[in-house]
C-alpha atoms as a PDB file:
ATOM      1  CA  UNK A   1     -14.155 -35.824   1.419  1.00  0.00           C
ATOM      2  CA  UNK A   2     -16.183 -35.548  -1.729  1.00  0.00           C
ATOM      3  CA  UNK A   3     -17.477 -32.173  -3.106  1.00  0.00           C
ATOM      4  CA  UNK A   4     -21.095 -31.587  -3.583  1.00  0.00           C
ATOM      5  CA  UNK A   5     -22.573 -29.216  -6.080  1.00  0.00           C
ATOM      6  CA  UNK A   6     -23.541 -26.865  -3.370  1.00  0.00           C
ATOM      7  CA  UNK A   7     -19.943 -26.757  -2.069  1.00  0.00           C
ATOM      8  CA  UNK A   8     -18.669 -26.209  -5.577  1.00  0.00           C
ATOM      9  CA  UNK A   9     -20.684 -22.988  -5.706  1.00  0.00           C
ATOM     10  CA  UNK A  10     -19.446 -22.012  -2.533  1.00  0.00           C
ATOM     11  CA  UNK A  11     -15.909 -22.336  -3.548  1.00  0.00           C
ATOM     12  CA  UNK A  12     -16.490 -19.534  -6.058  1.00  0.00           C
ATOM     13  CA  UNK A  13     -17.528 -17.409  -2.980  1.00  0.00           C
ATOM     14  CA  UNK A  14     -14.685 -18.116  -0.635  1.00  0.00           C
ATOM     15  CA  UNK A  15     -11.869 -18.470  -3.168  1.00  0.00           C
ATOM     16  CA  UNK A  16     -12.737 -15.164  -4.948  1.00  0.00           C
ATOM     17  CA  UNK A  17     -12.544 -13.634  -1.505  1.00  0.00           C
ATOM     18  CA  UNK A  18      -8.973 -14.733  -0.776  1.00  0.00           C
ATOM     19  CA  UNK A  19      -7.740 -13.159  -4.179  1.00  0.00           C
ATOM     20  CA  UNK A  20      -6.965  -9.859  -5.512  1.00  0.00           C
ATOM     21  CA  UNK A  21      -8.950  -7.744  -7.960  1.00  0.00           C
ATOM     22  CA  UNK A  22      -8.419  -9.919 -10.936  1.00  0.00           C
ATOM     23  CA  UNK A  23     -10.693 -12.549  -9.588  1.00  0.00           C
ATOM     24  CA  UNK A  24     -14.343 -12.225  -9.860  1.00  0.00           C
ATOM     25  CA  UNK A  25     -15.920 -10.138  -7.141  1.00  0.00           C
ATOM     26  CA  UNK A  26     -19.206 -11.837  -7.260  1.00  0.00           C
ATOM     27  CA  UNK A  27     -20.013 -15.362  -5.937  1.00  0.00           C
ATOM     28  CA  UNK A  28     -22.036 -17.868  -8.027  1.00  0.00           C
ATOM     29  CA  UNK A  29     -25.550 -18.216  -6.983  1.00  0.00           C
ATOM     30  CA  UNK A  30     -25.908 -21.048  -4.366  1.00  0.00           C
ATOM     31  CA  UNK A  31     -29.453 -22.483  -4.295  1.00  0.00           C
ATOM     32  CA  UNK A  32     -30.388 -23.078  -0.763  1.00  0.00           C
ATOM     33  CA  UNK A  33     -33.774 -23.409   1.380  1.00  0.00           C
ATOM     34  CA  UNK A  34     -35.769 -20.235   1.940  1.00  0.00           C
ATOM     35  CA  UNK A  35     -34.560 -18.188   4.991  1.00  0.00           C
ATOM     36  CA  UNK A  36     -31.055 -19.916   5.092  1.00  0.00           C
ATOM     37  CA  UNK A  37     -27.595 -18.676   4.783  1.00  0.00           C
ATOM     38  CA  UNK A  38     -23.998 -19.897   4.323  1.00  0.00           C
ATOM     39  CA  UNK A  39     -21.086 -18.257   6.219  1.00  0.00           C
ATOM     40  CA  UNK A  40     -17.239 -18.856   6.100  1.00  0.00           C
ATOM     41  CA  UNK A  41     -15.017 -16.958   8.415  1.00  0.00           C
ATOM     42  CA  UNK A  42     -11.175 -17.391   8.792  1.00  0.00           C
ATOM     43  CA  UNK A  43      -7.678 -15.857   8.633  1.00  0.00           C
ATOM     44  CA  UNK A  44      -4.837 -15.975   6.448  1.00  0.00           C
ATOM     45  CA  UNK A  45      -1.904 -14.018   5.067  1.00  0.00           C
ATOM     46  CA  UNK A  46      -1.232 -12.380   1.602  1.00  0.00           C
ATOM     47  CA  UNK A  47       1.997 -11.101   0.090  1.00  0.00           C
ATOM     48  CA  UNK A  48       1.864  -8.706  -2.632  1.00  0.00           C
ATOM     49  CA  UNK A  49       3.071  -5.280  -4.037  1.00  0.00           C
ATOM     50  CA  UNK A  50       2.415  -2.437  -1.672  1.00  0.00           C
ATOM     51  CA  UNK A  51       0.757  -0.609  -4.677  1.00  0.00           C
ATOM     52  CA  UNK A  52       0.272  -1.463  -8.132  1.00  0.00           C
ATOM     53  CA  UNK A  53       3.349  -0.949 -10.108  1.00  0.00           C
ATOM     54  CA  UNK A  54       5.709  -0.898  -7.271  1.00  0.00           C
ATOM     55  CA  UNK A  55       8.788  -3.188  -6.752  1.00  0.00           C
ATOM     56  CA  UNK A  56       8.258  -3.157  -2.866  1.00  0.00           C
ATOM     57  CA  UNK A  57       6.175  -5.857  -1.408  1.00  0.00           C
ATOM     58  CA  UNK A  58       4.104  -6.272   2.015  1.00  0.00           C
ATOM     59  CA  UNK A  59       2.995  -9.134   4.031  1.00  0.00           C
ATOM     60  CA  UNK A  60      -0.725  -8.565   5.159  1.00  0.00           C
ATOM     61  CA  UNK A  61      -3.033 -10.259   7.626  1.00  0.00           C
ATOM     62  CA  UNK A  62      -6.031 -11.480   5.443  1.00  0.00           C
ATOM     63  CA  UNK A  63      -9.354 -11.921   7.423  1.00  0.00           C
ATOM     64  CA  UNK A  64     -11.943 -13.978   5.567  1.00  0.00           C
ATOM     65  CA  UNK A  65     -15.487 -13.359   5.965  1.00  0.00           C
ATOM     66  CA  UNK A  66     -18.120 -14.715   3.318  1.00  0.00           C
ATOM     67  CA  UNK A  67     -22.004 -14.547   3.508  1.00  0.00           C
ATOM     68  CA  UNK A  68     -24.698 -15.483   1.242  1.00  0.00           C
ATOM     69  CA  UNK A  69     -28.338 -15.627   1.934  1.00  0.00           C
ATOM     70  CA  UNK A  70     -31.189 -17.588   0.164  1.00  0.00           C
ATOM     71  CA  UNK A  71     -32.726 -14.368  -1.205  1.00  0.00           C
ATOM     72  CA  UNK A  72     -29.744 -13.879  -3.388  1.00  0.00           C
ATOM     73  CA  UNK A  73     -27.895 -11.322  -1.113  1.00  0.00           C
ATOM     74  CA  UNK A  74     -24.124 -11.910  -0.686  1.00  0.00           C
ATOM     75  CA  UNK A  75     -21.053 -10.320   0.965  1.00  0.00           C
ATOM     76  CA  UNK A  76     -18.012 -11.398  -1.025  1.00  0.00           C
ATOM     77  CA  UNK A  77     -14.519 -10.095  -0.069  1.00  0.00           C
ATOM     78  CA  UNK A  78     -14.703  -6.270  -0.359  1.00  0.00           C
ATOM     79  CA  UNK A  79     -18.041  -6.252  -2.247  1.00  0.00           C
ATOM     80  CA  UNK A  80     -21.787  -6.755  -1.583  1.00  0.00           C
ATOM     81  CA  UNK A  81     -24.498  -7.257  -4.001  1.00  0.00           C
ATOM     82  CA  UNK A  82     -27.741  -9.201  -4.813  1.00  0.00           C
ATOM     83  CA  UNK A  83     -28.345 -11.900  -7.464  1.00  0.00           C
ATOM     84  CA  UNK A  84     -31.596 -10.948  -9.402  1.00  0.00           C
ATOM     85  CA  UNK A  85     -31.598 -13.774 -11.815  1.00  0.00           C
ATOM     86  CA  UNK A  86     -33.178 -17.358 -11.351  1.00  0.00           C
ATOM     87  CA  UNK A  87     -31.500 -18.595 -14.466  1.00  0.00           C
ATOM     88  CA  UNK A  88     -28.856 -21.504 -14.026  1.00  0.00           C
ATOM     89  CA  UNK A  89     -26.622 -19.954 -16.729  1.00  0.00           C
ATOM     90  CA  UNK A  90     -26.957 -16.307 -16.113  1.00  0.00           C
ATOM     91  CA  UNK A  91     -26.129 -14.216 -13.069  1.00  0.00           C
ATOM     92  CA  UNK A  92     -26.538 -10.401 -12.721  1.00  0.00           C
ATOM     93  CA  UNK A  93     -27.387  -7.809 -10.159  1.00  0.00           C
ATOM     94  CA  UNK A  94     -26.285  -4.647  -8.462  1.00  0.00           C
ATOM     95  CA  UNK A  95     -22.882  -4.480  -6.841  1.00  0.00           C
ATOM     96  CA  UNK A  96     -21.162  -2.337  -4.201  1.00  0.00           C
ATOM     97  CA  UNK A  97     -17.400  -2.557  -3.470  1.00  0.00           C
ATOM     98  CA  UNK A  98     -14.775  -0.956  -1.274  1.00  0.00           C
ATOM     99  CA  UNK A  99     -11.780   0.395  -3.057  1.00  0.00           C
ATOM    100  CA  UNK A 100      -8.897   0.938  -0.507  1.00  0.00           C
ATOM    101  CA  UNK A 101      -7.044   4.145  -0.741  1.00  0.00           C
ATOM    102  CA  UNK A 102      -3.171   4.862  -0.738  1.00  0.00           C
ATOM    103  CA  UNK A 103      -1.015   7.170   1.185  1.00  0.00           C
ATOM    104  CA  UNK A 104       2.268   8.617   0.257  1.00  0.00           C
ATOM    105  CA  UNK A 105       4.140   5.602   1.543  1.00  0.00           C
ATOM    106  CA  UNK A 106       2.134   3.535  -1.070  1.00  0.00           C
ATOM    107  CA  UNK A 107       0.293   1.717   1.647  1.00  0.00           C
ATOM    108  CA  UNK A 108      -3.338   0.943   1.107  1.00  0.00           C
ATOM    109  CA  UNK A 109      -4.705   2.821   3.858  1.00  0.00           C
ATOM    110  CA  UNK A 110      -8.025   1.518   4.040  1.00  0.00           C
ATOM    111  CA  UNK A 111      -9.499  -2.221   3.934  1.00  0.00           C
ATOM    112  CA  UNK A 112      -7.398  -4.756   2.302  1.00  0.00           C
ATOM    113  CA  UNK A 113      -8.264  -8.301   1.412  1.00  0.00           C
ATOM    114  CA  UNK A 114     -11.383  -8.709   3.653  1.00  0.00           C
ATOM    115  CA  UNK A 115     -11.380  -6.480   6.673  1.00  0.00           C
ATOM    116  CA  UNK A 116      -8.637  -4.426   8.099  1.00  0.00           C
ATOM    117  CA  UNK A 117      -5.163  -5.168   7.295  1.00  0.00           C
ATOM    118  CA  UNK A 118      -1.861  -4.831   8.946  1.00  0.00           C
ATOM    119  CA  UNK A 119       1.073  -4.303   6.390  1.00  0.00           C
ATOM    120  CA  UNK A 120       4.651  -4.927   6.797  1.00  0.00           C
ATOM    121  CA  UNK A 121       7.409  -4.201   4.332  1.00  0.00           C
ATOM    122  CA  UNK A 122       9.151  -7.184   2.678  1.00  0.00           C
ATOM    123  CA  UNK A 123      12.053  -5.331   0.997  1.00  0.00           C
ATOM    124  CA  UNK A 124      14.955  -7.018  -0.682  1.00  0.00           C
ATOM    125  CA  UNK A 125      17.655  -4.700   0.881  1.00  0.00           C
ATOM    126  CA  UNK A 126      17.849  -2.825   4.312  1.00  0.00           C
ATOM    127  CA  UNK A 127      18.065   0.354   2.282  1.00  0.00           C
ATOM    128  CA  UNK A 128      14.948  -0.461   0.374  1.00  0.00           C
ATOM    129  CA  UNK A 129      13.132  -1.310   3.496  1.00  0.00           C
ATOM    130  CA  UNK A 130      14.312   1.918   5.333  1.00  0.00           C
ATOM    131  CA  UNK A 131      13.189   3.889   2.306  1.00  0.00           C
ATOM    132  CA  UNK A 132       9.665   2.339   2.327  1.00  0.00           C
ATOM    133  CA  UNK A 133       9.313   2.852   6.009  1.00  0.00           C
ATOM    134  CA  UNK A 134      10.257   6.519   5.661  1.00  0.00           C
ATOM    135  CA  UNK A 135       7.342   6.909   3.158  1.00  0.00           C
ATOM    136  CA  UNK A 136      10.050   7.817   0.417  1.00  0.00           C
ATOM    137  CA  UNK A 137       8.303   5.843  -2.422  1.00  0.00           C
ATOM    138  CA  UNK A 138       5.448   8.200  -3.057  1.00  0.00           C
ATOM    139  CA  UNK A 139       6.532  11.272  -1.013  1.00  0.00           C
ATOM    140  CA  UNK A 140       4.829  14.448  -2.357  1.00  0.00           C
ATOM    141  CA  UNK A 141       2.103  12.432  -4.053  1.00  0.00           C
ATOM    142  CA  UNK A 142      -1.443  13.308  -2.969  1.00  0.00           C
ATOM    143  CA  UNK A 143      -3.193  10.726  -0.611  1.00  0.00           C
ATOM    144  CA  UNK A 144      -6.060   8.845  -1.999  1.00  0.00           C
ATOM    145  CA  UNK A 145      -8.883   8.128   0.415  1.00  0.00           C
ATOM    146  CA  UNK A 146     -10.782   4.869   0.511  1.00  0.00           C
ATOM    147  CA  UNK A 147     -14.022   5.158  -1.572  1.00  0.00           C
ATOM    148  CA  UNK A 148     -17.212   3.161  -2.033  1.00  0.00           C
ATOM    149  CA  UNK A 149     -17.899   2.125  -5.860  1.00  0.00           C
ATOM    150  CA  UNK A 150     -21.221   1.197  -7.269  1.00  0.00           C
ATOM    151  CA  UNK A 151     -22.125  -0.733 -10.277  1.00  0.00           C
ATOM    152  CA  UNK A 152     -23.287  -4.102 -11.519  1.00  0.00           C
ATOM    153  CA  UNK A 153     -22.081  -7.615 -12.390  1.00  0.00           C
ATOM    154  CA  UNK A 154     -22.978 -10.045 -15.166  1.00  0.00           C
ATOM    155  CA  UNK A 155     -21.820 -13.636 -15.323  1.00  0.00           C
ATOM    156  CA  UNK A 156     -22.609 -16.284 -18.022  1.00  0.00           C
ATOM    157  CA  UNK A 157     -21.969 -20.016 -17.735  1.00  0.00           C
ATOM    158  CA  UNK A 158     -20.750 -21.645 -20.960  1.00  0.00           C
ATOM    159  CA  UNK A 159     -20.954 -24.838 -19.116  1.00  0.00           C
ATOM    160  CA  UNK A 160     -20.808 -26.038 -15.404  1.00  0.00           C
ATOM    161  CA  UNK A 161     -17.085 -25.561 -15.527  1.00  0.00           C
ATOM    162  CA  UNK A 162     -16.703 -22.493 -17.380  1.00  0.00           C
ATOM    163  CA  UNK A 163     -17.836 -18.975 -16.480  1.00  0.00           C
ATOM    164  CA  UNK A 164     -17.478 -15.652 -18.355  1.00  0.00           C
ATOM    165  CA  UNK A 165     -17.597 -12.581 -15.820  1.00  0.00           C
ATOM    166  CA  UNK A 166     -17.967  -9.032 -16.252  1.00  0.00           C
ATOM    167  CA  UNK A 167     -18.149  -6.312 -13.376  1.00  0.00           C
ATOM    168  CA  UNK A 168     -18.706  -2.506 -14.041  1.00  0.00           C
ATOM    169  CA  UNK A 169     -18.008  -0.086 -11.109  1.00  0.00           C
ATOM    170  CA  UNK A 170     -17.971   3.652 -10.946  1.00  0.00           C
ATOM    171  CA  UNK A 171     -16.373   5.859  -8.140  1.00  0.00           C
ATOM    172  CA  UNK A 172     -12.692   4.810  -8.316  1.00  0.00           C
ATOM    173  CA  UNK A 173     -11.382   8.375  -9.372  1.00  0.00           C
ATOM    174  CA  UNK A 174      -9.994  10.920  -7.039  1.00  0.00           C
ATOM    175  CA  UNK A 175     -13.305  12.779  -7.216  1.00  0.00           C
ATOM    176  CA  UNK A 176     -15.359   9.674  -7.279  1.00  0.00           C
ATOM    177  CA  UNK A 177     -15.814  10.015 -10.930  1.00  0.00           C
ATOM    178  CA  UNK A 178     -13.618   7.288 -12.355  1.00  0.00           C
ATOM    179  CA  UNK A 179     -14.705   3.878 -13.769  1.00  0.00           C
ATOM    180  CA  UNK A 180     -13.522   0.441 -14.422  1.00  0.00           C
ATOM    181  CA  UNK A 181     -14.611  -2.565 -16.294  1.00  0.00           C
ATOM    182  CA  UNK A 182     -13.251  -6.067 -15.439  1.00  0.00           C
ATOM    183  CA  UNK A 183     -13.691  -8.901 -18.046  1.00  0.00           C
ATOM    184  CA  UNK A 184     -12.717 -12.332 -17.259  1.00  0.00           C
ATOM    185  CA  UNK A 185     -13.081 -16.126 -17.769  1.00  0.00           C
ATOM    186  CA  UNK A 186     -13.102 -18.790 -14.977  1.00  0.00           C
ATOM    187  CA  UNK A 187     -12.484 -22.461 -15.204  1.00  0.00           C
ATOM    188  CA  UNK A 188     -13.561 -24.808 -12.245  1.00  0.00           C
ATOM    189  CA  UNK A 189     -11.434 -27.916 -12.439  1.00  0.00           C
ATOM    190  CA  UNK A 190     -12.579 -31.339 -11.503  1.00  0.00           C
ATOM    191  CA  UNK A 191     -12.134 -32.440  -7.935  1.00  0.00           C
ATOM    192  CA  UNK A 192      -9.301 -34.626  -6.896  1.00  0.00           C
ATOM    193  CA  UNK A 193     -10.352 -36.171  -3.594  1.00  0.00           C
ATOM    194  CA  UNK A 194     -10.540 -33.220  -1.243  1.00  0.00           C
ATOM    195  CA  UNK A 195      -8.701 -30.879  -3.737  1.00  0.00           C
ATOM    196  CA  UNK A 196      -9.865 -28.628  -6.277  1.00  0.00           C
ATOM    197  CA  UNK A 197      -7.996 -26.243  -8.599  1.00  0.00           C
ATOM    198  CA  UNK A 198      -9.483 -23.363 -10.418  1.00  0.00           C
ATOM    199  CA  UNK A 199      -8.029 -20.989 -13.030  1.00  0.00           C
ATOM    200  CA  UNK A 200      -8.900 -17.506 -14.067  1.00  0.00           C
ATOM    201  CA  UNK A 201      -7.867 -14.853 -16.510  1.00  0.00           C
ATOM    202  CA  UNK A 202      -8.986 -11.253 -17.405  1.00  0.00           C
ATOM    203  CA  UNK A 203      -8.323  -7.641 -18.195  1.00  0.00           C
ATOM    204  CA  UNK A 204      -9.334  -4.378 -16.744  1.00  0.00           C
ATOM    205  CA  UNK A 205     -10.254  -1.325 -18.546  1.00  0.00           C
ATOM    206  CA  UNK A 206     -10.345   2.045 -16.861  1.00  0.00           C
ATOM    207  CA  UNK A 207     -11.200   5.619 -18.017  1.00  0.00           C
ATOM    208  CA  UNK A 208      -8.878   8.347 -17.984  1.00  0.00           C
ATOM    209  CA  UNK A 209     -10.088   9.779 -14.538  1.00  0.00           C
ATOM    210  CA  UNK A 210      -9.388   6.352 -12.820  1.00  0.00           C
ATOM    211  CA  UNK A 211      -5.923   6.132 -14.417  1.00  0.00           C
ATOM    212  CA  UNK A 212      -5.050   9.785 -13.668  1.00  0.00           C
ATOM    213  CA  UNK A 213      -6.051   8.941  -9.979  1.00  0.00           C
ATOM    214  CA  UNK A 214      -3.833   5.886  -9.652  1.00  0.00           C
ATOM    215  CA  UNK A 215      -1.127   6.435 -12.270  1.00  0.00           C
ATOM    216  CA  UNK A 216      -1.023  10.097 -13.033  1.00  0.00           C
ATOM    217  CA  UNK A 217       1.196  12.858 -11.625  1.00  0.00           C
ATOM    218  CA  UNK A 218      -0.247  16.368 -11.553  1.00  0.00           C
ATOM    219  CA  UNK A 219       2.075  19.397 -11.968  1.00  0.00           C
ATOM    220  CA  UNK A 220       1.661  20.091  -8.259  1.00  0.00           C
ATOM    221  CA  UNK A 221       2.687  16.620  -7.438  1.00  0.00           C
ATOM    222  CA  UNK A 222       5.659  16.844  -9.802  1.00  0.00           C
ATOM    223  CA  UNK A 223       6.885  19.954  -7.978  1.00  0.00           C
ATOM    224  CA  UNK A 224       7.066  18.324  -4.768  1.00  0.00           C
ATOM    225  CA  UNK A 225       8.002  14.596  -5.611  1.00  0.00           C
ATOM    226  CA  UNK A 226      10.512  12.720  -7.529  1.00  0.00           C
ATOM    227  CA  UNK A 227       8.173  11.872 -10.524  1.00  0.00           C
ATOM    228  CA  UNK A 228       7.497  14.023 -13.737  1.00  0.00           C
ATOM    229  CA  UNK A 229       4.121  15.161 -14.471  1.00  0.00           C
ATOM    230  CA  UNK A 230       2.114  12.617 -16.479  1.00  0.00           C
ATOM    231  CA  UNK A 231      -1.474  12.414 -17.684  1.00  0.00           C
ATOM    232  CA  UNK A 232      -2.593   9.005 -18.713  1.00  0.00           C
ATOM    233  CA  UNK A 233      -5.338   8.238 -20.936  1.00  0.00           C
ATOM    234  CA  UNK A 234      -8.017   5.549 -20.675  1.00  0.00           C
ATOM    235  CA  UNK A 235      -8.128   2.029 -22.150  1.00  0.00           C
ATOM    236  CA  UNK A 236      -6.645  -1.192 -21.061  1.00  0.00           C
ATOM    237  CA  UNK A 237      -5.281  -0.964 -17.461  1.00  0.00           C
ATOM    238  CA  UNK A 238      -4.100  -4.429 -16.525  1.00  0.00           C
ATOM    239  CA  UNK A 239      -4.158  -8.168 -17.441  1.00  0.00           C
ATOM    240  CA  UNK A 240      -4.228 -10.812 -14.812  1.00  0.00           C
ATOM    241  CA  UNK A 241      -3.969 -14.521 -14.514  1.00  0.00           C
ATOM    242  CA  UNK A 242      -4.281 -16.581 -11.414  1.00  0.00           C
ATOM    243  CA  UNK A 243      -4.699 -20.161 -10.087  1.00  0.00           C
ATOM    244  CA  UNK A 244      -6.256 -21.248  -6.898  1.00  0.00           C
ATOM    245  CA  UNK A 245      -5.858 -24.391  -4.808  1.00  0.00           C
ATOM    246  CA  UNK A 246      -8.642 -25.354  -2.215  1.00  0.00           C
ATOM    247  CA  UNK A 247      -8.162 -28.164   0.229  1.00  0.00           C
ATOM    248  CA  UNK A 248     -11.281 -29.258   2.163  1.00  0.00           C
ATOM    249  CA  UNK A 249     -10.138 -30.995   5.333  1.00  0.00           C
ATOM    250  CA  UNK A 250     -13.597 -31.455   6.791  1.00  0.00           C
ATOM    251  CA  UNK A 251     -17.178 -30.432   5.730  1.00  0.00           C
ATOM    252  CA  UNK A 252     -16.392 -27.362   7.829  1.00  0.00           C
ATOM    253  CA  UNK A 253     -12.769 -26.575   7.609  1.00  0.00           C
ATOM    254  CA  UNK A 254     -10.674 -25.629   4.552  1.00  0.00           C
ATOM    255  CA  UNK A 255      -7.381 -24.422   3.415  1.00  0.00           C
ATOM    256  CA  UNK A 256      -7.433 -22.124   0.281  1.00  0.00           C
ATOM    257  CA  UNK A 257      -4.492 -20.528  -1.397  1.00  0.00           C
ATOM    258  CA  UNK A 258      -4.004 -18.389  -4.485  1.00  0.00           C
ATOM    259  CA  UNK A 259      -1.188 -17.137  -6.820  1.00  0.00           C
ATOM    260  CA  UNK A 260      -2.139 -14.235  -9.265  1.00  0.00           C
ATOM    261  CA  UNK A 261       0.276 -12.534 -11.724  1.00  0.00           C
ATOM    262  CA  UNK A 262      -0.829  -9.077 -12.885  1.00  0.00           C
ATOM    263  CA  UNK A 263       0.736  -6.901 -15.474  1.00  0.00           C
ATOM    264  CA  UNK A 264      -0.007  -3.295 -16.104  1.00  0.00           C
ATOM    265  CA  UNK A 265      -0.973  -2.143 -19.732  1.00  0.00           C
ATOM    266  CA  UNK A 266      -1.174   1.018 -21.731  1.00  0.00           C
ATOM    267  CA  UNK A 267      -1.071   4.389 -20.079  1.00  0.00           C
ATOM    268  CA  UNK A 268      -0.699   2.597 -16.512  1.00  0.00           C
ATOM    269  CA  UNK A 269       2.445   0.646 -17.569  1.00  0.00           C
ATOM    270  CA  UNK A 270       3.886   3.811 -19.041  1.00  0.00           C
ATOM    271  CA  UNK A 271       3.350   5.913 -15.776  1.00  0.00           C
ATOM    272  CA  UNK A 272       6.514   6.898 -13.800  1.00  0.00           C
ATOM    273  CA  UNK A 273       4.932   5.399 -10.856  1.00  0.00           C
ATOM    274  CA  UNK A 274       5.246   1.977 -12.433  1.00  0.00           C
ATOM    275  CA  UNK A 275       8.569   0.817 -11.250  1.00  0.00           C
ATOM    276  CA  UNK A 276       7.664  -2.865 -12.108  1.00  0.00           C
ATOM    277  CA  UNK A 277       4.736  -3.317 -14.416  1.00  0.00           C
ATOM    278  CA  UNK A 278       4.486  -7.076 -13.517  1.00  0.00           C
ATOM    279  CA  UNK A 279       3.818  -8.561 -10.027  1.00  0.00           C
ATOM    280  CA  UNK A 280       2.779 -11.528  -8.144  1.00  0.00           C
ATOM    281  CA  UNK A 281       0.347 -11.796  -5.158  1.00  0.00           C
ATOM    282  CA  UNK A 282       0.295 -14.927  -3.080  1.00  0.00           C
ATOM    283  CA  UNK A 283      -2.220 -15.781  -0.406  1.00  0.00           C
ATOM    284  CA  UNK A 284      -3.256 -18.527   1.889  1.00  0.00           C
ATOM    285  CA  UNK A 285      -6.073 -18.774   4.549  1.00  0.00           C
ATOM    286  CA  UNK A 286      -7.926 -21.158   6.773  1.00  0.00           C
ATOM    287  CA  UNK A 287     -11.576 -20.869   6.865  1.00  0.00           C
ATOM    288  CA  UNK A 288     -14.498 -22.374   8.852  1.00  0.00           C
ATOM    289  CA  UNK A 289     -18.000 -22.914   7.319  1.00  0.00           C
ATOM    290  CA  UNK A 290     -20.825 -22.144   9.844  1.00  0.00           C
END
């Protein structure tokens, strides 16, 4: 089936939900009649690292729920916000986002993907699987609770196909005092029949409180874990590159898949928690448009 301009906008919305943090968390503004809304719901699978920097992987259920209303309010993956601009080339507004926590097994113990996730270890050897299931990977490290972040987004269209994105969020630190800034660029490719491929790349910057929470090791944690004490600074935290493939079966049904490569940088990459600085996340989901 052919793609319409409004469907192209909706692809930013749904595809961004199926991917990880490297993808923009804000959907493109989708013009629609007053009082109307667009909604996608579905289910898929995601395979990725149990936590940033680990060599152990997990397979997770990936519920998909995506909403956008004519007044600019949207729910996109793990975030929600509102578009305040009427410009066709500039998008901005406030943003709220849920950041999943981490327990001593490395499991993201809150929401993952979109909605509640059930995680299963995909280890390379029986010994590695047994160790992960015993919670040995981060044994002795403090648990990090799920938290709500607040901030804003700003997107600028260089052309109908190219979009620059920026998202600033505060509240990622252990005491809800850390901050992150994600900068990216997206390329939405031309449609080939019912297929569409889009590309994205970006970097994430974090302050020292964020890095200390996720990649640092306090003296107390070092005394009861296998990791030496480590206090990271702020700066570049990661770089990410991804590709998404979307296949529209009908005007209502779609299959969307993504591949994202992420590499830790700076203090995060030097952390003793970073067993494998580079990792891949793969996901696929079927969604229905209501």
